[in-house]
Amino acid sequence: MAPEVRRIVNDLLKTVPMARITTMVEQVDASIVPERLIATLSGFFDS
C-alpha cells in the first residue's frame, strides 16, 4: 500500500518530499518511548 500512497501524494504535492511512511501505531509507539523508559526505570529502582 505504501508505494501507492507515495505515488498519489507525489502526484498531488510535487514539492513535498516524503522520506518515510509509517503507520499510526508506529508513530504512537515512537512518541511514548521516553515515558516507557521512565516507567521501567522507576519500577526497577523502586524495588
N, C-alpha and C. Protein backbone atom coordinates (compact mmCIF):
# COMPACT_ATOMS: atom_id res chain seq x y z
N MET A 1 0.81 -1.18 0.00
CA MET A 1 0.00 0.00 0.00
C MET A 1 0.88 1.27 0.00
N ALA A 2 2.03 1.22 0.63
CA ALA A 2 2.90 2.39 0.72
C ALA A 2 3.30 2.94 -0.64
N PRO A 3 3.67 2.09 -1.61
CA PRO A 3 4.03 2.66 -2.92
C PRO A 3 2.89 3.43 -3.58
N GLU A 4 1.67 2.95 -3.40
CA GLU A 4 0.51 3.63 -3.98
C GLU A 4 0.27 4.98 -3.29
N VAL A 5 0.39 5.00 -1.97
CA VAL A 5 0.24 6.26 -1.22
C VAL A 5 1.31 7.24 -1.64
N ARG A 6 2.54 6.76 -1.73
CA ARG A 6 3.65 7.62 -2.14
C ARG A 6 3.40 8.22 -3.52
N ARG A 7 2.90 7.42 -4.45
CA ARG A 7 2.63 7.90 -5.81
C ARG A 7 1.54 8.96 -5.81
N ILE A 8 0.46 8.72 -5.05
CA ILE A 8 -0.66 9.67 -5.02
C ILE A 8 -0.22 10.99 -4.40
N VAL A 9 0.50 10.92 -3.29
CA VAL A 9 0.97 12.15 -2.65
C VAL A 9 1.93 12.89 -3.57
N ASN A 10 2.80 12.16 -4.22
CA ASN A 10 3.75 12.79 -5.15
C ASN A 10 3.02 13.47 -6.31
N ASP A 11 1.95 12.85 -6.78
CA ASP A 11 1.16 13.46 -7.87
C ASP A 11 0.47 14.74 -7.40
N LEU A 12 -0.02 14.76 -6.16
CA LEU A 12 -0.76 15.91 -5.65
C LEU A 12 0.14 17.02 -5.12
N LEU A 13 1.23 16.63 -4.47
CA LEU A 13 2.10 17.61 -3.81
C LEU A 13 3.53 17.39 -4.29
N LYS A 14 3.82 17.85 -5.46
CA LYS A 14 5.12 17.58 -6.08
C LYS A 14 6.31 18.19 -5.33
N THR A 15 6.08 19.26 -4.57
CA THR A 15 7.19 19.92 -3.88
C THR A 15 7.42 19.41 -2.46
N VAL A 16 6.59 18.47 -2.00
CA VAL A 16 6.71 17.95 -0.64
C VAL A 16 7.43 16.61 -0.69
N PRO A 17 8.66 16.56 -0.17
CA PRO A 17 9.39 15.28 -0.18
C PRO A 17 8.85 14.35 0.91
N MET A 18 8.84 13.07 0.61
CA MET A 18 8.42 12.07 1.59
C MET A 18 9.61 11.17 1.88
N ALA A 19 10.09 11.24 3.10
CA ALA A 19 11.26 10.45 3.47
C ALA A 19 10.87 9.06 3.93
N ARG A 20 9.79 8.97 4.70
CA ARG A 20 9.44 7.68 5.27
C ARG A 20 7.94 7.62 5.55
N ILE A 21 7.33 6.51 5.23
CA ILE A 21 5.91 6.30 5.50
C ILE A 21 5.81 5.31 6.66
N THR A 22 5.05 5.70 7.70
CA THR A 22 4.86 4.80 8.84
C THR A 22 3.38 4.73 9.18
N THR A 23 3.03 3.71 9.94
CA THR A 23 1.65 3.56 10.38
C THR A 23 1.41 4.42 11.61
N MET A 24 0.16 4.62 11.95
CA MET A 24 -0.18 5.39 13.15
C MET A 24 0.33 4.67 14.40
N VAL A 25 0.25 3.34 14.41
CA VAL A 25 0.74 2.57 15.55
C VAL A 25 2.24 2.81 15.75
N GLU A 26 3.01 2.83 14.68
CA GLU A 26 4.44 3.10 14.77
C GLU A 26 4.70 4.51 15.28
N GLN A 27 3.90 5.47 14.85
CA GLN A 27 4.05 6.85 15.30
C GLN A 27 3.79 6.96 16.80
N VAL A 28 2.71 6.33 17.27
CA VAL A 28 2.37 6.39 18.69
C VAL A 28 3.44 5.68 19.52
N ASP A 29 3.88 4.50 19.08
CA ASP A 29 4.92 3.77 19.81
C ASP A 29 6.19 4.60 19.93
N ALA A 30 6.57 5.26 18.87
CA ALA A 30 7.79 6.07 18.89
C ALA A 30 7.63 7.30 19.79
N SER A 31 6.43 7.83 19.88
CA SER A 31 6.22 9.04 20.67
C SER A 31 6.21 8.79 22.17
N ILE A 32 5.95 7.55 22.60
CA ILE A 32 5.88 7.27 24.04
C ILE A 32 7.11 6.52 24.57
N VAL A 33 8.15 6.43 23.78
CA VAL A 33 9.38 5.76 24.23
C VAL A 33 9.94 6.39 25.50
N PRO A 34 10.06 7.71 25.59
CA PRO A 34 10.62 8.29 26.83
C PRO A 34 9.77 7.94 28.07
N GLU A 35 8.46 7.99 27.94
CA GLU A 35 7.59 7.67 29.06
C GLU A 35 7.75 6.21 29.48
N ARG A 36 7.86 5.31 28.51
CA ARG A 36 8.07 3.89 28.83
C ARG A 36 9.39 3.68 29.56
N LEU A 37 10.42 4.36 29.10
CA LEU A 37 11.73 4.23 29.73
C LEU A 37 11.68 4.71 31.18
N ILE A 38 11.08 5.86 31.41
CA ILE A 38 10.99 6.39 32.77
C ILE A 38 10.16 5.46 33.66
N ALA A 39 9.06 4.92 33.13
CA ALA A 39 8.25 4.00 33.91
C ALA A 39 9.01 2.73 34.25
N THR A 40 9.77 2.20 33.29
CA THR A 40 10.57 1.00 33.53
C THR A 40 11.64 1.26 34.56
N LEU A 41 12.35 2.36 34.43
CA LEU A 41 13.41 2.67 35.38
C LEU A 41 12.83 2.95 36.77
N SER A 42 11.70 3.63 36.85
CA SER A 42 11.06 3.88 38.14
C SER A 42 10.68 2.57 38.82
N GLY A 43 10.15 1.65 38.06
CA GLY A 43 9.78 0.34 38.62
C GLY A 43 11.01 -0.43 39.06
N PHE A 44 12.07 -0.31 38.34
CA PHE A 44 13.31 -1.03 38.67
C PHE A 44 13.93 -0.50 39.96
N PHE A 45 14.01 0.83 40.08
CA PHE A 45 14.66 1.43 41.25
C PHE A 45 13.74 1.45 42.47
N ASP A 46 12.47 1.27 42.27
CA ASP A 46 11.51 1.25 43.38
C ASP A 46 11.58 -0.05 44.15
N SER A 47 12.02 -1.11 43.51
CA SER A 47 12.04 -2.44 44.15
C SER A 47 13.12 -2.57 45.18
